[in-house]
C-alpha atoms as a PDB file:
ATOM      1  CA  MET A   1      46.411  96.898 111.477  1.00  0.00           C
ATOM      2  CA  ASN A   2      48.747  95.773 108.734  1.00  0.00           C
ATOM      3  CA  PRO A   3      48.886  91.934 108.481  1.00  0.00           C
ATOM      4  CA  LYS A   4      52.681  92.108 108.363  1.00  0.00           C
ATOM      5  CA  TYR A   5      52.852  93.805 111.766  1.00  0.00           C
ATOM      6  CA  LEU A   6      50.182  91.504 113.167  1.00  0.00           C
ATOM      7  CA  TYR A   7      52.200  88.462 112.069  1.00  0.00           C
ATOM      8  CA  ARG A   8      55.379  89.878 113.631  1.00  0.00           C
ATOM      9  CA  THR A   9      53.592  90.657 116.883  1.00  0.00           C
ATOM     10  CA  LEU A  10      52.035  87.200 117.112  1.00  0.00           C
ATOM     11  CA  ARG A  11      55.355  85.545 116.314  1.00  0.00           C
ATOM     12  CA  PHE A  12      57.099  87.653 118.971  1.00  0.00           C
ATOM     13  CA  LEU A  13      54.486  86.715 121.584  1.00  0.00           C
ATOM     14  CA  PHE A  14      54.775  83.052 120.612  1.00  0.00           C
ATOM     15  CA  VAL A  15      58.567  83.113 120.999  1.00  0.00           C
ATOM     16  CA  ILE A  16      58.300  84.855 124.364  1.00  0.00           C
ATOM     17  CA  GLY A  17      55.764  82.237 125.500  1.00  0.00           C
ATOM     18  CA  VAL A  18      58.005  79.361 124.414  1.00  0.00           C
ATOM     19  CA  VAL A  19      61.006  80.874 126.200  1.00  0.00           C
ATOM     20  CA  VAL A  20      59.007  81.376 129.406  1.00  0.00           C
ATOM     21  CA  LEU A  21      57.702  77.796 129.270  1.00  0.00           C
ATOM     22  CA  ALA A  22      61.212  76.464 128.662  1.00  0.00           C
ATOM     23  CA  LEU A  23      62.562  78.398 131.641  1.00  0.00           C
ATOM     24  CA  LEU A  24      59.756  77.142 133.873  1.00  0.00           C
ATOM     25  CA  ALA A  25      60.337  73.564 132.730  1.00  0.00           C
ATOM     26  CA  PHE A  26      64.061  73.919 133.390  1.00  0.00           C
ATOM     27  CA  PHE A  27      63.362  75.335 136.850  1.00  0.00           C
ATOM     28  CA  TYR A  28      61.083  72.464 137.851  1.00  0.00           C
ATOM     29  CA  LEU A  29      63.091  69.694 136.183  1.00  0.00           C
ATOM     30  CA  SER A  30      66.465  70.870 137.476  1.00  0.00           C
ATOM     31  CA  LYS A  31      65.672  69.461 140.914  1.00  0.00           C
ATOM     32  CA  ILE A  32      65.122  66.044 139.374  1.00  0.00           C
ATOM     33  CA  THR A  33      68.077  66.067 136.980  1.00  0.00           C
ATOM     34  CA  TYR A  34      70.818  67.266 139.344  1.00  0.00           C
ATOM     35  CA  PRO A  35      71.815  63.725 140.439  1.00  0.00           C
ATOM     36  CA  PHE A  36      72.056  62.619 136.806  1.00  0.00           C
ATOM     37  CA  ILE A  37      74.204  65.609 135.857  1.00  0.00           C
ATOM     38  CA  ILE A  38      76.515  64.991 138.819  1.00  0.00           C
ATOM     39  CA  ALA A  39      76.764  61.296 137.899  1.00  0.00           C
ATOM     40  CA  LEU A  40      77.608  62.211 134.297  1.00  0.00           C
ATOM     41  CA  VAL A  41      80.388  64.561 135.435  1.00  0.00           C
ATOM     42  CA  ILE A  42      81.832  61.920 137.765  1.00  0.00           C
ATOM     43  CA  ALA A  43      81.688  59.303 135.004  1.00  0.00           C
ATOM     44  CA  PHE A  44      83.593  61.571 132.607  1.00  0.00           C
ATOM     45  CA  MET A  45      86.168  62.370 135.279  1.00  0.00           C
ATOM     46  CA  ILE A  46      86.966  58.732 136.115  1.00  0.00           C
ATOM     47  CA  ASN A  47      86.860  57.522 132.495  1.00  0.00           C
ATOM     48  CA  PRO A  48      90.640  57.942 131.919  1.00  0.00           C
ATOM     49  CA  LEU A  49      91.362  55.948 135.085  1.00  0.00           C
ATOM     50  CA  VAL A  50      89.006  53.176 133.979  1.00  0.00           C
ATOM     51  CA  ASN A  51      90.629  53.097 130.533  1.00  0.00           C
ATOM     52  CA  PHE A  52      94.057  52.834 132.183  1.00  0.00           C
ATOM     53  CA  PHE A  53      93.000  49.881 134.353  1.00  0.00           C
ATOM     54  CA  GLU A  54      91.328  48.164 131.393  1.00  0.00           C
ATOM     55  CA  LYS A  55      94.695  47.752 129.635  1.00  0.00           C
END
């Protein structure tokens, strides 16, 4: 097999593996991070009100 094609194939498999691992990590960590994401959204939503009352 040509080394060029071997390199491309290995790189493709590596990228696919990284994407699969990232998706699995996101799936398992999403249950933990949902409260933090919701808190961040709420904080951004009430920020203008807090700035108004600070004045």
